[in-house]
Amino acid sequence: MHNARTVKTTPLQLALAWSFAGIPLLAGVIQTLFNAMKLFQ
């Protein structure tokens, strides 16, 4: 028998998790684009 409890994720938790991962990711992408633009000048 499998008696696991399901835990619901709230929209706030989801937004915080995406912010935690997404903000540094976005900063890295922007920094990479700026460095790439320097190469093509």
N, C-alpha and C. Protein backbone atom coordinates (compact mmCIF):
# COMPACT_ATOMS: atom_id res chain seq x y z
N MET A 1 0.84 -1.20 0.00
CA MET A 1 0.00 0.00 0.00
C MET A 1 0.88 1.25 0.00
N HIS A 2 0.43 2.22 -0.75
CA HIS A 2 1.17 3.48 -0.86
C HIS A 2 0.32 4.58 -0.22
N ASN A 3 0.81 5.15 0.85
CA ASN A 3 0.05 6.14 1.60
C ASN A 3 0.80 7.46 1.65
N ALA A 4 1.06 8.06 0.48
CA ALA A 4 1.82 9.31 0.41
C ALA A 4 0.88 10.50 0.50
N ARG A 5 1.38 11.55 1.13
CA ARG A 5 0.61 12.78 1.26
C ARG A 5 0.97 13.72 0.12
N THR A 6 -0.01 14.31 -0.52
CA THR A 6 0.27 15.27 -1.58
C THR A 6 0.37 16.67 -0.99
N VAL A 7 1.40 17.38 -1.39
CA VAL A 7 1.61 18.74 -0.90
C VAL A 7 1.37 19.68 -2.06
N LYS A 8 0.49 20.63 -1.87
CA LYS A 8 0.17 21.60 -2.91
C LYS A 8 1.17 22.76 -2.85
N THR A 9 1.61 23.21 -4.01
CA THR A 9 2.49 24.36 -4.10
C THR A 9 1.64 25.59 -4.38
N THR A 10 1.80 26.61 -3.56
CA THR A 10 1.02 27.83 -3.76
C THR A 10 1.63 28.66 -4.89
N PRO A 11 0.85 29.50 -5.51
CA PRO A 11 1.39 30.38 -6.56
C PRO A 11 2.53 31.27 -6.04
N LEU A 12 2.45 31.67 -4.77
CA LEU A 12 3.52 32.49 -4.20
C LEU A 12 4.82 31.71 -4.12
N GLN A 13 4.75 30.46 -3.67
CA GLN A 13 5.95 29.63 -3.60
C GLN A 13 6.54 29.42 -4.99
N LEU A 14 5.67 29.22 -5.96
CA LEU A 14 6.11 29.03 -7.34
C LEU A 14 6.81 30.28 -7.86
N ALA A 15 6.23 31.44 -7.60
CA ALA A 15 6.83 32.70 -8.04
C ALA A 15 8.17 32.94 -7.37
N LEU A 16 8.27 32.64 -6.09
CA LEU A 16 9.53 32.82 -5.38
C LEU A 16 10.61 31.88 -5.92
N ALA A 17 10.23 30.66 -6.20
CA ALA A 17 11.19 29.69 -6.73
C ALA A 17 11.70 30.12 -8.10
N TRP A 18 10.78 30.59 -8.96
CA TRP A 18 11.20 31.05 -10.29
C TRP A 18 12.06 32.30 -10.19
N SER A 19 11.74 33.19 -9.25
CA SER A 19 12.56 34.39 -9.06
C SER A 19 13.96 34.02 -8.59
N PHE A 20 14.02 33.06 -7.66
CA PHE A 20 15.29 32.63 -7.10
C PHE A 20 16.21 32.10 -8.20
N ALA A 21 15.66 31.39 -9.16
CA ALA A 21 16.46 30.82 -10.25
C ALA A 21 16.52 31.76 -11.45
N GLY A 22 15.44 32.48 -11.70
CA GLY A 22 15.33 33.27 -12.93
C GLY A 22 16.11 34.56 -12.93
N ILE A 23 16.21 35.23 -11.79
CA ILE A 23 16.90 36.52 -11.75
C ILE A 23 18.39 36.36 -12.05
N PRO A 24 19.10 35.43 -11.39
CA PRO A 24 20.52 35.24 -11.77
C PRO A 24 20.69 34.76 -13.21
N LEU A 25 19.76 33.93 -13.67
CA LEU A 25 19.82 33.44 -15.05
C LEU A 25 19.68 34.60 -16.03
N LEU A 26 18.72 35.46 -15.78
CA LEU A 26 18.49 36.62 -16.63
C LEU A 26 19.70 37.55 -16.61
N ALA A 27 20.28 37.76 -15.43
CA ALA A 27 21.47 38.61 -15.32
C ALA A 27 22.62 38.02 -16.14
N GLY A 28 22.78 36.72 -16.10
CA GLY A 28 23.84 36.06 -16.87
C GLY A 28 23.62 36.20 -18.36
N VAL A 29 22.38 36.07 -18.80
CA VAL A 29 22.07 36.21 -20.23
C VAL A 29 22.35 37.64 -20.69
N ILE A 30 21.95 38.62 -19.90
CA ILE A 30 22.18 40.02 -20.26
C ILE A 30 23.67 40.32 -20.33
N GLN A 31 24.43 39.82 -19.34
CA GLN A 31 25.88 40.03 -19.33
C GLN A 31 26.53 39.39 -20.55
N THR A 32 26.08 38.20 -20.91
CA THR A 32 26.61 37.51 -22.09
C THR A 32 26.31 38.30 -23.36
N LEU A 33 25.10 38.84 -23.46
CA LEU A 33 24.75 39.62 -24.65
C LEU A 33 25.60 40.88 -24.76
N PHE A 34 25.84 41.55 -23.64
CA PHE A 34 26.69 42.75 -23.67
C PHE A 34 28.12 42.40 -24.08
N ASN A 35 28.63 41.28 -23.56
CA ASN A 35 29.99 40.86 -23.95
C ASN A 35 30.04 40.46 -25.42
N ALA A 36 28.99 39.84 -25.91
CA ALA A 36 28.94 39.47 -27.33
C ALA A 36 28.88 40.70 -28.22
N MET A 37 28.18 41.74 -27.77
CA MET A 37 28.09 42.96 -28.57
C MET A 37 29.46 43.63 -28.69
N LYS A 38 30.29 43.53 -27.65
CA LYS A 38 31.64 44.10 -27.70
C LYS A 38 32.47 43.41 -28.79
N LEU A 39 32.26 42.11 -28.98
CA LEU A 39 33.03 41.37 -29.97
C LEU A 39 32.71 41.81 -31.39
N PHE A 40 31.46 42.22 -31.63
CA PHE A 40 31.03 42.53 -33.00
C PHE A 40 31.06 44.01 -33.32
N GLN A 41 31.75 44.80 -32.52
CA GLN A 41 31.85 46.24 -32.82
C GLN A 41 33.00 46.52 -33.75
